[in-house]
Amino acid sequence: MWLFKQIRQEPVLFQGLIQALFPVLVAFGALQLQESQLGALYAFTAALLSFLTRIQVTPLSNPRDDAGNRLAPRPRSD
């Protein structure tokens, strides 16, 4: 459970670790992939993990808590 909590708190860190793992596995021979296959895998995981990361973070333009209440005051238009 500790790992899942860390992933939820630091999704971008998790994304970076996953993205770095594939080239390391290929470099050490643990994964036998051609360059084009590695590129495709890298692009797919980047897109998937970016989507999952986006779900985890709060947009800064309109931050709200779980109940839907504003977390920042609306800018004044004087």
PDB file of N, CA and C in Angstrom:
ATOM      1  N   MET A   1       0.818  -1.207   0.000  1.00  0.00           N
ATOM      2  CA  MET A   1       0.000   0.000   0.000  1.00  0.00           C
ATOM      3  C   MET A   1       0.857   1.264   0.000  1.00  0.00           C
ATOM      4  N   TRP A   2       2.042   1.178   0.580  1.00  0.00           N
ATOM      5  CA  TRP A   2       2.935   2.336   0.608  1.00  0.00           C
ATOM      6  C   TRP A   2       3.256   2.797  -0.811  1.00  0.00           C
ATOM      7  N   LEU A   3       3.496   1.838  -1.716  1.00  0.00           N
ATOM      8  CA  LEU A   3       3.840   2.175  -3.095  1.00  0.00           C
ATOM      9  C   LEU A   3       2.693   2.917  -3.778  1.00  0.00           C
ATOM     10  N   PHE A   4       1.466   2.449  -3.597  1.00  0.00           N
ATOM     11  CA  PHE A   4       0.320   3.110  -4.224  1.00  0.00           C
ATOM     12  C   PHE A   4       0.135   4.528  -3.694  1.00  0.00           C
ATOM     13  N   LYS A   5       0.390   4.732  -2.413  1.00  0.00           N
ATOM     14  CA  LYS A   5       0.288   6.072  -1.835  1.00  0.00           C
ATOM     15  C   LYS A   5       1.337   6.991  -2.450  1.00  0.00           C
ATOM     16  N   GLN A   6       2.552   6.479  -2.615  1.00  0.00           N
ATOM     17  CA  GLN A   6       3.618   7.277  -3.222  1.00  0.00           C
ATOM     18  C   GLN A   6       3.286   7.620  -4.672  1.00  0.00           C
ATOM     19  N   ILE A   7       2.742   6.665  -5.396  1.00  0.00           N
ATOM     20  CA  ILE A   7       2.383   6.912  -6.794  1.00  0.00           C
ATOM     21  C   ILE A   7       1.303   7.984  -6.884  1.00  0.00           C
ATOM     22  N   ARG A   8       0.323   7.942  -5.994  1.00  0.00           N
ATOM     23  CA  ARG A   8      -0.740   8.952  -6.002  1.00  0.00           C
ATOM     24  C   ARG A   8      -0.220  10.332  -5.613  1.00  0.00           C
ATOM     25  N   GLN A   9       0.769  10.390  -4.715  1.00  0.00           N
ATOM     26  CA  GLN A   9       1.306  11.673  -4.275  1.00  0.00           C
ATOM     27  C   GLN A   9       2.324  12.241  -5.255  1.00  0.00           C
ATOM     28  N   GLU A  10       3.044  11.382  -5.965  1.00  0.00           N
ATOM     29  CA  GLU A  10       4.091  11.815  -6.891  1.00  0.00           C
ATOM     30  C   GLU A  10       3.946  11.123  -8.247  1.00  0.00           C
ATOM     31  N   PRO A  11       2.876  11.394  -8.983  1.00  0.00           N
ATOM     32  CA  PRO A  11       2.665  10.671 -10.239  1.00  0.00           C
ATOM     33  C   PRO A  11       3.725  10.962 -11.299  1.00  0.00           C
ATOM     34  N   VAL A  12       4.268  12.161 -11.315  1.00  0.00           N
ATOM     35  CA  VAL A  12       5.272  12.501 -12.323  1.00  0.00           C
ATOM     36  C   VAL A  12       6.578  11.765 -12.047  1.00  0.00           C
ATOM     37  N   LEU A  13       6.937  11.613 -10.784  1.00  0.00           N
ATOM     38  CA  LEU A  13       8.125  10.841 -10.422  1.00  0.00           C
ATOM     39  C   LEU A  13       7.971   9.394 -10.886  1.00  0.00           C
ATOM     40  N   PHE A  14       6.826   8.809 -10.645  1.00  0.00           N
ATOM     41  CA  PHE A  14       6.544   7.443 -11.083  1.00  0.00           C
ATOM     42  C   PHE A  14       6.632   7.342 -12.603  1.00  0.00           C
ATOM     43  N   GLN A  15       6.102   8.320 -13.299  1.00  0.00           N
ATOM     44  CA  GLN A  15       6.152   8.325 -14.760  1.00  0.00           C
ATOM     45  C   GLN A  15       7.597   8.332 -15.240  1.00  0.00           C
ATOM     46  N   GLY A  16       8.425   9.159 -14.641  1.00  0.00           N
ATOM     47  CA  GLY A  16       9.835   9.214 -15.025  1.00  0.00           C
ATOM     48  C   GLY A  16      10.564   7.908 -14.777  1.00  0.00           C
ATOM     49  N   LEU A  17      10.271   7.271 -13.654  1.00  0.00           N
ATOM     50  CA  LEU A  17      10.916   5.990 -13.350  1.00  0.00           C
ATOM     51  C   LEU A  17      10.524   4.910 -14.352  1.00  0.00           C
ATOM     52  N   ILE A  18       9.252   4.850 -14.694  1.00  0.00           N
ATOM     53  CA  ILE A  18       8.786   3.863 -15.672  1.00  0.00           C
ATOM     54  C   ILE A  18       9.428   4.128 -17.032  1.00  0.00           C
ATOM     55  N   GLN A  19       9.482   5.391 -17.434  1.00  0.00           N
ATOM     56  CA  GLN A  19      10.063   5.733 -18.727  1.00  0.00           C
ATOM     57  C   GLN A  19      11.554   5.401 -18.780  1.00  0.00           C
ATOM     58  N   ALA A  20      12.256   5.542 -17.677  1.00  0.00           N
ATOM     59  CA  ALA A  20      13.688   5.235 -17.639  1.00  0.00           C
ATOM     60  C   ALA A  20      13.954   3.735 -17.576  1.00  0.00           C
ATOM     61  N   LEU A  21      13.003   2.969 -17.110  1.00  0.00           N
ATOM     62  CA  LEU A  21      13.194   1.535 -16.923  1.00  0.00           C
ATOM     63  C   LEU A  21      13.387   0.787 -18.245  1.00  0.00           C
ATOM     64  N   PHE A  22      12.615   1.103 -19.265  1.00  0.00           N
ATOM     65  CA  PHE A  22      12.677   0.360 -20.523  1.00  0.00           C
ATOM     66  C   PHE A  22      14.039   0.451 -21.212  1.00  0.00           C
ATOM     67  N   PRO A  23      14.617   1.636 -21.407  1.00  0.00           N
ATOM     68  CA  PRO A  23      15.946   1.684 -22.031  1.00  0.00           C
ATOM     69  C   PRO A  23      17.017   0.957 -21.216  1.00  0.00           C
ATOM     70  N   VAL A  24      16.903   0.985 -19.898  1.00  0.00           N
ATOM     71  CA  VAL A  24      17.867   0.274 -19.054  1.00  0.00           C
ATOM     72  C   VAL A  24      17.736  -1.235 -19.262  1.00  0.00           C
ATOM     73  N   LEU A  25      16.512  -1.732 -19.302  1.00  0.00           N
ATOM     74  CA  LEU A  25      16.297  -3.165 -19.534  1.00  0.00           C
ATOM     75  C   LEU A  25      16.825  -3.600 -20.898  1.00  0.00           C
ATOM     76  N   VAL A  26      16.662  -2.762 -21.902  1.00  0.00           N
ATOM     77  CA  VAL A  26      17.181  -3.080 -23.234  1.00  0.00           C
ATOM     78  C   VAL A  26      18.707  -3.033 -23.225  1.00  0.00           C
ATOM     79  N   ALA A  27      19.282  -2.023 -22.589  1.00  0.00           N
ATOM     80  CA  ALA A  27      20.740  -1.877 -22.557  1.00  0.00           C
ATOM     81  C   ALA A  27      21.419  -3.062 -21.885  1.00  0.00           C
ATOM     82  N   PHE A  28      20.810  -3.619 -20.860  1.00  0.00           N
ATOM     83  CA  PHE A  28      21.399  -4.750 -20.149  1.00  0.00           C
ATOM     84  C   PHE A  28      20.941  -6.107 -20.694  1.00  0.00           C
ATOM     85  N   GLY A  29      20.183  -6.097 -21.775  1.00  0.00           N
ATOM     86  CA  GLY A  29      19.796  -7.339 -22.427  1.00  0.00           C
ATOM     87  C   GLY A  29      18.631  -8.072 -21.788  1.00  0.00           C
ATOM     88  N   ALA A  30      17.978  -7.477 -20.817  1.00  0.00           N
ATOM     89  CA  ALA A  30      16.833  -8.125 -20.179  1.00  0.00           C
ATOM     90  C   ALA A  30      15.610  -8.108 -21.096  1.00  0.00           C
ATOM     91  N   LEU A  31      15.562  -7.152 -21.999  1.00  0.00           N
ATOM     92  CA  LEU A  31      14.487  -7.039 -22.993  1.00  0.00           C
ATOM     93  C   LEU A  31      15.137  -7.008 -24.365  1.00  0.00           C
ATOM     94  N   GLN A  32      14.686  -7.838 -25.262  1.00  0.00           N
ATOM     95  CA  GLN A  32      15.227  -7.874 -26.624  1.00  0.00           C
ATOM     96  C   GLN A  32      14.279  -7.106 -27.546  1.00  0.00           C
ATOM     97  N   LEU A  33      14.570  -5.830 -27.755  1.00  0.00           N
ATOM     98  CA  LEU A  33      13.734  -4.996 -28.622  1.00  0.00           C
ATOM     99  C   LEU A  33      14.601  -4.277 -29.641  1.00  0.00           C
ATOM    100  N   GLN A  34      14.047  -4.087 -30.834  1.00  0.00           N
ATOM    101  CA  GLN A  34      14.719  -3.260 -31.829  1.00  0.00           C
ATOM    102  C   GLN A  34      14.471  -1.801 -31.469  1.00  0.00           C
ATOM    103  N   GLU A  35      15.249  -0.921 -32.081  1.00  0.00           N
ATOM    104  CA  GLU A  35      15.105   0.507 -31.768  1.00  0.00           C
ATOM    105  C   GLU A  35      13.698   1.012 -32.060  1.00  0.00           C
ATOM    106  N   SER A  36      13.122   0.576 -33.169  1.00  0.00           N
ATOM    107  CA  SER A  36      11.773   1.041 -33.514  1.00  0.00           C
ATOM    108  C   SER A  36      10.741   0.524 -32.514  1.00  0.00           C
ATOM    109  N   GLN A  37      10.924  -0.699 -32.044  1.00  0.00           N
ATOM    110  CA  GLN A  37      10.006  -1.250 -31.045  1.00  0.00           C
ATOM    111  C   GLN A  37      10.138  -0.500 -29.724  1.00  0.00           C
ATOM    112  N   LEU A  38      11.369  -0.204 -29.334  1.00  0.00           N
ATOM    113  CA  LEU A  38      11.589   0.550 -28.102  1.00  0.00           C
ATOM    114  C   LEU A  38      10.983   1.946 -28.220  1.00  0.00           C
ATOM    115  N   GLY A  39      11.137   2.562 -29.382  1.00  0.00           N
ATOM    116  CA  GLY A  39      10.546   3.881 -29.603  1.00  0.00           C
ATOM    117  C   GLY A  39       9.030   3.855 -29.500  1.00  0.00           C
ATOM    118  N   ALA A  40       8.427   2.830 -30.086  1.00  0.00           N
ATOM    119  CA  ALA A  40       6.967   2.698 -30.016  1.00  0.00           C
ATOM    120  C   ALA A  40       6.507   2.447 -28.585  1.00  0.00           C
ATOM    121  N   LEU A  41       7.228   1.591 -27.863  1.00  0.00           N
ATOM    122  CA  LEU A  41       6.891   1.320 -26.462  1.00  0.00           C
ATOM    123  C   LEU A  41       7.044   2.578 -25.616  1.00  0.00           C
ATOM    124  N   TYR A  42       8.099   3.320 -25.881  1.00  0.00           N
ATOM    125  CA  TYR A  42       8.357   4.559 -25.149  1.00  0.00           C
ATOM    126  C   TYR A  42       7.250   5.584 -25.419  1.00  0.00           C
ATOM    127  N   ALA A  43       6.842   5.716 -26.680  1.00  0.00           N
ATOM    128  CA  ALA A  43       5.778   6.666 -27.027  1.00  0.00           C
ATOM    129  C   ALA A  43       4.451   6.258 -26.399  1.00  0.00           C
ATOM    130  N   PHE A  44       4.136   4.962 -26.442  1.00  0.00           N
ATOM    131  CA  PHE A  44       2.883   4.488 -25.859  1.00  0.00           C
ATOM    132  C   PHE A  44       2.856   4.716 -24.351  1.00  0.00           C
ATOM    133  N   THR A  45       3.935   4.346 -23.661  1.00  0.00           N
ATOM    134  CA  THR A  45       3.949   4.525 -22.206  1.00  0.00           C
ATOM    135  C   THR A  45       3.942   6.001 -21.834  1.00  0.00           C
ATOM    136  N   ALA A  46       4.578   6.840 -22.643  1.00  0.00           N
ATOM    137  CA  ALA A  46       4.548   8.281 -22.368  1.00  0.00           C
ATOM    138  C   ALA A  46       3.122   8.810 -22.455  1.00  0.00           C
ATOM    139  N   ALA A  47       2.402   8.405 -23.492  1.00  0.00           N
ATOM    140  CA  ALA A  47       1.018   8.860 -23.650  1.00  0.00           C
ATOM    141  C   ALA A  47       0.128   8.325 -22.535  1.00  0.00           C
ATOM    142  N   LEU A  48       0.246   7.040 -22.235  1.00  0.00           N
ATOM    143  CA  LEU A  48      -0.583   6.433 -21.195  1.00  0.00           C
ATOM    144  C   LEU A  48      -0.286   7.034 -19.826  1.00  0.00           C
ATOM    145  N   LEU A  49       0.987   7.140 -19.481  1.00  0.00           N
ATOM    146  CA  LEU A  49       1.340   7.673 -18.167  1.00  0.00           C
ATOM    147  C   LEU A  49       1.023   9.163 -18.055  1.00  0.00           C
ATOM    148  N   SER A  50       1.119   9.896 -19.159  1.00  0.00           N
ATOM    149  CA  SER A  50       0.725  11.311 -19.130  1.00  0.00           C
ATOM    150  C   SER A  50      -0.762  11.446 -18.840  1.00  0.00           C
ATOM    151  N   PHE A  51      -1.560  10.596 -19.460  1.00  0.00           N
ATOM    152  CA  PHE A  51      -3.000  10.606 -19.206  1.00  0.00           C
ATOM    153  C   PHE A  51      -3.285  10.284 -17.742  1.00  0.00           C
ATOM    154  N   LEU A  52      -2.657   9.231 -17.223  1.00  0.00           N
ATOM    155  CA  LEU A  52      -2.875   8.847 -15.824  1.00  0.00           C
ATOM    156  C   LEU A  52      -2.378   9.919 -14.860  1.00  0.00           C
ATOM    157  N   THR A  53      -1.268  10.566 -15.202  1.00  0.00           N
ATOM    158  CA  THR A  53      -0.742  11.646 -14.365  1.00  0.00           C
ATOM    159  C   THR A  53      -1.702  12.825 -14.364  1.00  0.00           C
ATOM    160  N   ARG A  54      -2.256  13.152 -15.520  1.00  0.00           N
ATOM    161  CA  ARG A  54      -3.178  14.286 -15.629  1.00  0.00           C
ATOM    162  C   ARG A  54      -4.411  14.079 -14.758  1.00  0.00           C
ATOM    163  N   ILE A  55      -4.858  12.853 -14.634  1.00  0.00           N
ATOM    164  CA  ILE A  55      -6.010  12.551 -13.788  1.00  0.00           C
ATOM    165  C   ILE A  55      -5.695  12.821 -12.317  1.00  0.00           C
ATOM    166  N   GLN A  56      -4.439  12.627 -11.931  1.00  0.00           N
ATOM    167  CA  GLN A  56      -4.044  12.730 -10.529  1.00  0.00           C
ATOM    168  C   GLN A  56      -3.799  14.160 -10.051  1.00  0.00           C
ATOM    169  N   VAL A  57      -3.531  15.090 -10.954  1.00  0.00           N
ATOM    170  CA  VAL A  57      -3.149  16.438 -10.548  1.00  0.00           C
ATOM    171  C   VAL A  57      -4.319  17.403 -10.675  1.00  0.00           C
ATOM    172  N   THR A  58      -4.278  18.476  -9.902  1.00  0.00           N
ATOM    173  CA  THR A  58      -5.320  19.499  -9.913  1.00  0.00           C
ATOM    174  C   THR A  58      -4.958  20.583 -10.916  1.00  0.00           C
ATOM    175  N   PRO A  59      -5.864  20.952 -11.800  1.00  0.00           N
ATOM    176  CA  PRO A  59      -5.574  22.064 -12.703  1.00  0.00           C
ATOM    177  C   PRO A  59      -5.395  23.351 -11.899  1.00  0.00           C
ATOM    178  N   LEU A  60      -4.411  24.128 -12.245  1.00  0.00           N
ATOM    179  CA  LEU A  60      -4.152  25.355 -11.501  1.00  0.00           C
ATOM    180  C   LEU A  60      -5.117  26.470 -11.856  1.00  0.00           C
ATOM    181  N   SER A  61      -5.782  26.386 -12.987  1.00  0.00           N
ATOM    182  CA  SER A  61      -6.666  27.466 -13.395  1.00  0.00           C
ATOM    183  C   SER A  61      -7.939  27.536 -12.558  1.00  0.00           C
ATOM    184  N   ASN A  62      -8.382  26.419 -11.999  1.00  0.00           N
ATOM    185  CA  ASN A  62      -9.618  26.404 -11.227  1.00  0.00           C
ATOM    186  C   ASN A  62      -9.552  25.310 -10.157  1.00  0.00           C
ATOM    187  N   PRO A  63      -8.636  25.445  -9.190  1.00  0.00           N
ATOM    188  CA  PRO A  63      -8.485  24.369  -8.197  1.00  0.00           C
ATOM    189  C   PRO A  63      -9.688  24.267  -7.266  1.00  0.00           C
ATOM    190  N   ARG A  64     -10.138  23.032  -7.019  1.00  0.00           N
ATOM    191  CA  ARG A  64     -11.267  22.763  -6.125  1.00  0.00           C
ATOM    192  C   ARG A  64     -10.938  21.555  -5.267  1.00  0.00           C
ATOM    193  N   ASP A  65     -11.574  21.481  -4.088  1.00  0.00           N
ATOM    194  CA  ASP A  65     -11.392  20.307  -3.230  1.00  0.00           C
ATOM    195  C   ASP A  65     -12.361  19.212  -3.666  1.00  0.00           C
ATOM    196  N   ASP A  66     -12.364  18.096  -2.954  1.00  0.00           N
ATOM    197  CA  ASP A  66     -13.220  16.966  -3.325  1.00  0.00           C
ATOM    198  C   ASP A  66     -14.707  17.294  -3.261  1.00  0.00           C
ATOM    199  N   ALA A  67     -15.079  18.296  -2.455  1.00  0.00           N
ATOM    200  CA  ALA A  67     -16.482  18.693  -2.337  1.00  0.00           C
ATOM    201  C   ALA A  67     -16.885  19.719  -3.393  1.00  0.00           C
ATOM    202  N   GLY A  68     -15.929  20.171  -4.217  1.00  0.00           N
ATOM    203  CA  GLY A  68     -16.230  21.140  -5.256  1.00  0.00           C
ATOM    204  C   GLY A  68     -16.044  22.584  -4.841  1.00  0.00           C
ATOM    205  N   ASN A  69     -15.552  22.844  -3.635  1.00  0.00           N
ATOM    206  CA  ASN A  69     -15.324  24.209  -3.159  1.00  0.00           C
ATOM    207  C   ASN A  69     -14.035  24.773  -3.747  1.00  0.00           C
ATOM    208  N   ARG A  70     -14.061  26.074  -4.052  1.00  0.00           N
ATOM    209  CA  ARG A  70     -12.868  26.735  -4.585  1.00  0.00           C
ATOM    210  C   ARG A  70     -11.742  26.714  -3.565  1.00  0.00           C
ATOM    211  N   LEU A  71     -10.519  26.494  -4.041  1.00  0.00           N
ATOM    212  CA  LEU A  71      -9.354  26.517  -3.167  1.00  0.00           C
ATOM    213  C   LEU A  71      -8.589  27.829  -3.267  1.00  0.00           C
ATOM    214  N   ALA A  72      -8.915  28.624  -4.257  1.00  0.00           N
ATOM    215  CA  ALA A  72      -8.253  29.916  -4.421  1.00  0.00           C
ATOM    216  C   ALA A  72      -9.325  30.957  -4.724  1.00  0.00           C
ATOM    217  N   PRO A  73      -9.135  32.171  -4.232  1.00  0.00           N
ATOM    218  CA  PRO A  73     -10.134  33.204  -4.532  1.00  0.00           C
ATOM    219  C   PRO A  73     -10.128  33.543  -6.020  1.00  0.00           C
ATOM    220  N   ARG A  74     -11.290  33.883  -6.511  1.00  0.00           N
ATOM    221  CA  ARG A  74     -11.424  34.284  -7.909  1.00  0.00           C
ATOM    222  C   ARG A  74     -10.758  35.650  -8.088  1.00  0.00           C
ATOM    223  N   PRO A  75      -9.981  35.843  -9.162  1.00  0.00           N
ATOM    224  CA  PRO A  75      -9.331  37.143  -9.380  1.00  0.00           C
ATOM    225  C   PRO A  75     -10.363  38.258  -9.529  1.00  0.00           C
ATOM    226  N   ARG A  76     -10.050  39.400  -8.937  1.00  0.00           N
ATOM    227  CA  ARG A  76     -10.958  40.549  -9.022  1.00  0.00           C
ATOM    228  C   ARG A  76     -10.779  41.236 -10.358  1.00  0.00           C
ATOM    229  N   SER A  77     -11.877  41.679 -10.941  1.00  0.00           N
ATOM    230  CA  SER A  77     -11.818  42.407 -12.212  1.00  0.00           C
ATOM    231  C   SER A  77     -12.232  43.849 -11.965  1.00  0.00           C
ATOM    232  N   ASP A  78     -11.274  44.631 -11.470  1.00  0.00           N
ATOM    233  CA  ASP A  78     -11.552  46.058 -11.181  1.00  0.00           C
ATOM    234  C   ASP A  78     -11.330  46.915 -12.390  1.00  0.00           C
TER     235      ASP A  78
END
